[in-house]
Amino acid sequence: MDALPTQQLGSPAFIRQHYISRSIKLYLIMLVILGLGVSYYGIERYLEYSDKSTVVTQSEGLLSNLEKDSKKEQDDFTATKTTYKDKDTELNTELSSVFPLKENYTDLTKVFDEYFVSKNSSNNPIIATDIQYGTPTSEPGSKYDILPISMNISASESNFYDFLRFIQNSGTLSKKLRLLDLKSIQLNFSDDTSSTNKNTIQFRAEVSAYFQKAKK
């Protein structure tokens, strides 16, 4: 007969070994479960950190772009403001020559002198004499005052019409010419029929020069 095993089923030693083996298995299972849990938690935290890192990086890029856009807008605003200021200064300068703040007798005389000198020639004359400035007047309710001017002019026919155009085209910012208005023309017919005078037109022109009304 074969010998019986040393540890028989149900013996204390067998039971103790059974419980130890079972405990080891349970411990290993718990370790595996714990390891899986830690791994899952770690992966979740890593993904969360990765997402947050991506958001932070994108936010930093967006902030950098916004700062660049803001600086560009500030630079554009400064440039526009400077340009507007320059244009405003230029416009005020042009306006002061067209519609001055006061009578400006000196500047107005210079305007007439330059015109008559530039247009006068031996074959096509135009000469102004006896230029007189009257007392400035003001129309009720208007925003301007008027300086009356009168002058005697001797001119060829072409320069006679050129003078009329000169007055008509005044007041434009492009020409920077004082705003003028021809009120009347009185033709003077001379008895002198010499060759010097027969081809010229003698007339007296009444002109109004405008300027801004003084603020009270």
Protein backbone atom coordinates (compact mmCIF):
# COMPACT_ATOMS: atom_id res chain seq x y z
CA MET A 1 0.00 0.00 0.00
CA ASP A 2 1.12 3.56 -0.79
CA ALA A 3 1.99 5.75 2.16
CA LEU A 4 -0.55 8.42 3.10
CA PRO A 5 0.48 12.12 2.49
CA THR A 6 1.94 13.85 5.47
CA GLN A 7 -0.70 16.66 5.35
CA GLN A 8 -4.14 15.32 4.99
CA LEU A 9 -7.17 17.31 3.98
CA GLY A 10 -8.72 18.97 6.99
CA SER A 11 -5.53 18.85 9.02
CA PRO A 12 -4.49 22.08 10.79
CA ALA A 13 -1.35 22.43 8.68
CA PHE A 14 -3.29 22.10 5.43
CA ILE A 15 -5.88 24.61 6.51
CA ARG A 16 -3.21 27.10 7.58
CA GLN A 17 -1.43 26.75 4.24
CA HIS A 18 -4.73 27.15 2.41
CA TYR A 19 -5.49 30.41 4.21
CA ILE A 20 -1.96 31.73 3.65
CA SER A 21 -2.18 30.97 -0.08
CA ARG A 22 -5.61 32.57 -0.26
CA SER A 23 -4.38 35.65 1.61
CA ILE A 24 -1.45 35.99 -0.76
CA LYS A 25 -3.79 35.82 -3.75
CA LEU A 26 -6.11 38.40 -2.26
CA TYR A 27 -3.14 40.65 -1.48
CA LEU A 28 -1.86 40.32 -5.02
CA ILE A 29 -5.30 41.09 -6.40
CA MET A 30 -5.53 44.16 -4.15
CA LEU A 31 -2.09 45.27 -5.32
CA VAL A 32 -3.16 44.89 -8.93
CA ILE A 33 -6.38 46.79 -8.29
CA LEU A 34 -4.48 49.47 -6.37
CA GLY A 35 -1.90 49.69 -9.15
CA LEU A 36 -4.62 50.05 -11.75
CA GLY A 37 -6.32 52.70 -9.64
CA VAL A 38 -3.09 54.63 -9.18
CA SER A 39 -2.30 54.31 -12.88
CA TYR A 40 -5.78 55.51 -13.84
CA TYR A 41 -5.55 58.41 -11.39
CA GLY A 42 -2.11 59.30 -12.69
CA ILE A 43 -3.26 59.16 -16.31
CA GLU A 44 -6.30 61.31 -15.48
CA ARG A 45 -4.09 63.86 -13.70
CA TYR A 46 -1.60 63.85 -16.58
CA LEU A 47 -4.33 64.38 -19.17
CA GLU A 48 -5.82 67.14 -17.05
CA TYR A 49 -2.40 68.76 -16.66
CA SER A 50 -1.76 68.37 -20.38
CA ASP A 51 -5.10 70.00 -21.20
CA LYS A 52 -4.42 72.85 -18.79
CA SER A 53 -0.92 73.29 -20.19
CA THR A 54 -2.37 73.47 -23.71
CA VAL A 55 -4.96 76.03 -22.59
CA VAL A 56 -2.26 78.10 -20.86
CA THR A 57 -0.07 77.99 -23.98
CA GLN A 58 -2.99 78.98 -26.21
CA SER A 59 -3.96 81.74 -23.77
CA GLU A 60 -0.42 83.08 -23.75
CA GLY A 61 -0.38 83.08 -27.55
CA LEU A 62 -3.77 84.82 -27.66
CA LEU A 63 -2.61 87.40 -25.11
CA SER A 64 0.54 88.04 -27.13
CA ASN A 65 -1.53 88.57 -30.29
CA LEU A 66 -3.91 90.87 -28.43
CA GLU A 67 -0.99 92.90 -27.13
CA LYS A 68 0.40 93.20 -30.67
CA ASP A 69 -3.02 94.22 -32.02
CA SER A 70 -3.43 96.72 -29.19
CA LYS A 71 -0.02 98.26 -29.89
CA LYS A 72 -0.78 98.45 -33.61
CA GLU A 73 -4.11 100.15 -32.91
CA GLN A 74 -2.40 102.60 -30.56
CA ASP A 75 0.26 103.34 -33.19
CA ASP A 76 -2.44 103.77 -35.86
CA PHE A 77 -4.43 106.05 -33.55
CA THR A 78 -1.34 108.13 -32.79
CA ALA A 79 -0.48 108.37 -36.49
CA THR A 80 -4.08 109.32 -37.36
CA LYS A 81 -4.18 111.86 -34.55
CA THR A 82 -0.91 113.40 -35.74
CA THR A 83 -2.14 113.47 -39.35
CA TYR A 84 -5.45 115.03 -38.25
CA LYS A 85 -3.60 117.64 -36.21
CA ASP A 86 -1.35 118.47 -39.15
CA LYS A 87 -4.34 118.65 -41.51
CA ASP A 88 -6.23 120.78 -39.01
CA THR A 89 -3.29 123.16 -38.71
CA GLU A 90 -2.94 123.28 -42.50
CA LEU A 91 -6.67 123.90 -42.92
CA ASN A 92 -6.63 126.72 -40.36
CA THR A 93 -3.67 128.29 -42.16
CA GLU A 94 -5.46 128.08 -45.51
CA LEU A 95 -8.68 129.36 -43.98
CA SER A 96 -6.89 132.33 -42.44
CA SER A 97 -5.64 133.35 -45.89
CA VAL A 98 -9.10 133.01 -47.45
CA PHE A 99 -11.25 134.20 -44.57
CA PRO A 100 -8.99 136.04 -42.10
CA LEU A 101 -9.74 137.06 -38.55
CA LYS A 102 -9.31 140.76 -39.27
CA GLU A 103 -9.02 143.24 -42.15
CA ASN A 104 -5.39 142.36 -43.06
CA TYR A 105 -4.83 145.47 -45.16
CA THR A 106 -1.17 144.62 -45.72
CA ASP A 107 -1.80 141.07 -46.98
CA LEU A 108 -4.68 142.23 -49.14
CA THR A 109 -2.56 144.95 -50.75
CA LYS A 110 0.13 142.35 -51.43
CA VAL A 111 -2.44 140.11 -53.15
CA PHE A 112 -3.50 142.91 -55.49
CA ASP A 113 0.09 143.99 -56.19
CA GLU A 114 1.15 140.43 -57.08
CA TYR A 115 -1.84 139.97 -59.37
CA PHE A 116 -1.44 143.21 -61.31
CA VAL A 117 2.35 142.82 -61.64
CA SER A 118 2.02 139.23 -62.91
CA LYS A 119 -0.62 140.15 -65.51
CA ASN A 120 0.68 143.49 -66.75
CA SER A 121 2.75 143.63 -69.94
CA SER A 122 3.33 146.13 -72.70
CA ASN A 123 1.15 144.19 -75.16
CA ASN A 124 -1.46 143.20 -72.61
CA PRO A 125 -1.62 145.86 -69.90
CA ILE A 126 -3.51 146.07 -66.64
CA ILE A 127 -2.68 148.78 -64.13
CA ALA A 128 -4.49 149.66 -60.90
CA THR A 129 -4.30 153.12 -59.35
CA ASP A 130 -5.92 154.98 -56.49
CA ILE A 131 -6.67 151.90 -54.39
CA GLN A 132 -8.76 152.97 -51.40
CA TYR A 133 -9.97 151.00 -48.39
CA GLY A 134 -13.21 152.07 -46.78
CA THR A 135 -14.52 151.59 -43.27
CA PRO A 136 -15.38 147.96 -42.43
CA THR A 137 -19.10 147.28 -42.18
CA SER A 138 -21.13 144.45 -40.70
CA GLU A 139 -24.43 143.02 -41.84
CA PRO A 140 -26.92 142.22 -39.05
CA GLY A 141 -26.98 138.53 -38.18
CA SER A 142 -24.02 137.68 -40.39
CA LYS A 143 -20.84 135.89 -39.28
CA TYR A 144 -18.55 138.12 -41.29
CA ASP A 145 -17.51 141.73 -41.74
CA ILE A 146 -16.92 143.51 -45.04
CA LEU A 147 -14.01 145.70 -46.04
CA PRO A 148 -15.00 147.96 -48.98
CA ILE A 149 -12.29 148.58 -51.60
CA SER A 150 -12.31 150.79 -54.67
CA MET A 151 -9.69 151.18 -57.40
CA ASN A 152 -9.22 152.63 -60.85
CA ILE A 153 -8.05 150.09 -63.44
CA SER A 154 -6.77 150.47 -66.96
CA ALA A 155 -6.65 147.14 -68.79
CA SER A 156 -6.73 145.47 -72.17
CA GLU A 157 -9.93 143.66 -73.06
CA SER A 158 -8.47 140.22 -72.25
CA ASN A 159 -7.11 141.41 -68.90
CA PHE A 160 -10.42 143.10 -68.15
CA TYR A 161 -12.13 139.70 -68.32
CA ASP A 162 -9.20 138.10 -66.51
CA PHE A 163 -9.74 140.52 -63.62
CA LEU A 164 -13.40 139.53 -63.47
CA ARG A 165 -12.38 135.85 -63.30
CA PHE A 166 -9.80 136.69 -60.63
CA ILE A 167 -12.51 138.12 -58.38
CA GLN A 168 -14.96 135.34 -59.24
CA ASN A 169 -12.46 132.56 -58.40
CA SER A 170 -11.41 134.08 -55.08
CA GLY A 171 -12.13 132.35 -51.79
CA THR A 172 -10.91 128.88 -52.79
CA LEU A 173 -8.64 127.01 -50.37
CA SER A 174 -6.59 125.56 -53.22
CA LYS A 175 -5.61 129.04 -54.44
CA LYS A 176 -5.42 130.48 -50.90
CA LEU A 177 -6.94 133.66 -52.28
CA ARG A 178 -8.82 136.12 -50.08
CA LEU A 179 -12.60 135.94 -50.46
CA LEU A 180 -13.62 138.89 -52.63
CA ASP A 181 -16.83 140.05 -54.26
CA LEU A 182 -17.22 142.49 -57.14
CA LYS A 183 -19.99 144.89 -56.16
CA SER A 184 -19.95 147.19 -59.18
CA ILE A 185 -18.00 148.39 -62.21
CA GLN A 186 -18.15 151.92 -63.59
CA LEU A 187 -16.74 152.28 -67.10
CA ASN A 188 -14.90 155.51 -67.88
CA PHE A 189 -14.95 156.64 -71.50
CA SER A 190 -12.06 158.91 -72.28
CA ASP A 191 -11.89 161.49 -75.05
CA ASP A 192 -8.29 160.46 -75.61
CA THR A 193 -8.26 158.43 -78.85
CA SER A 194 -4.51 157.94 -79.06
CA SER A 195 -3.21 154.48 -79.90
CA THR A 196 -2.09 154.07 -76.30
CA ASN A 197 -5.61 154.36 -74.87
CA LYS A 198 -7.98 153.28 -77.62
CA ASN A 199 -7.37 149.57 -76.97
CA THR A 200 -7.71 149.76 -73.18
CA ILE A 201 -10.73 149.75 -70.92
CA GLN A 202 -10.84 152.34 -68.17
CA PHE A 203 -13.06 151.44 -65.22
CA ARG A 204 -13.51 151.85 -61.51
CA ALA A 205 -14.15 148.66 -59.53
CA GLU A 206 -15.93 148.46 -56.20
CA VAL A 207 -14.89 145.30 -54.38
CA SER A 208 -15.79 143.78 -51.01
CA ALA A 209 -13.23 141.78 -49.02
CA TYR A 210 -14.64 139.50 -46.33
CA PHE A 211 -13.19 138.66 -42.93
CA GLN A 212 -14.44 136.95 -39.78
CA LYS A 213 -16.56 138.90 -37.35
CA ALA A 214 -14.76 139.55 -34.09
CA LYS A 215 -16.06 137.39 -31.24
CA LYS A 216 -17.55 139.33 -28.36
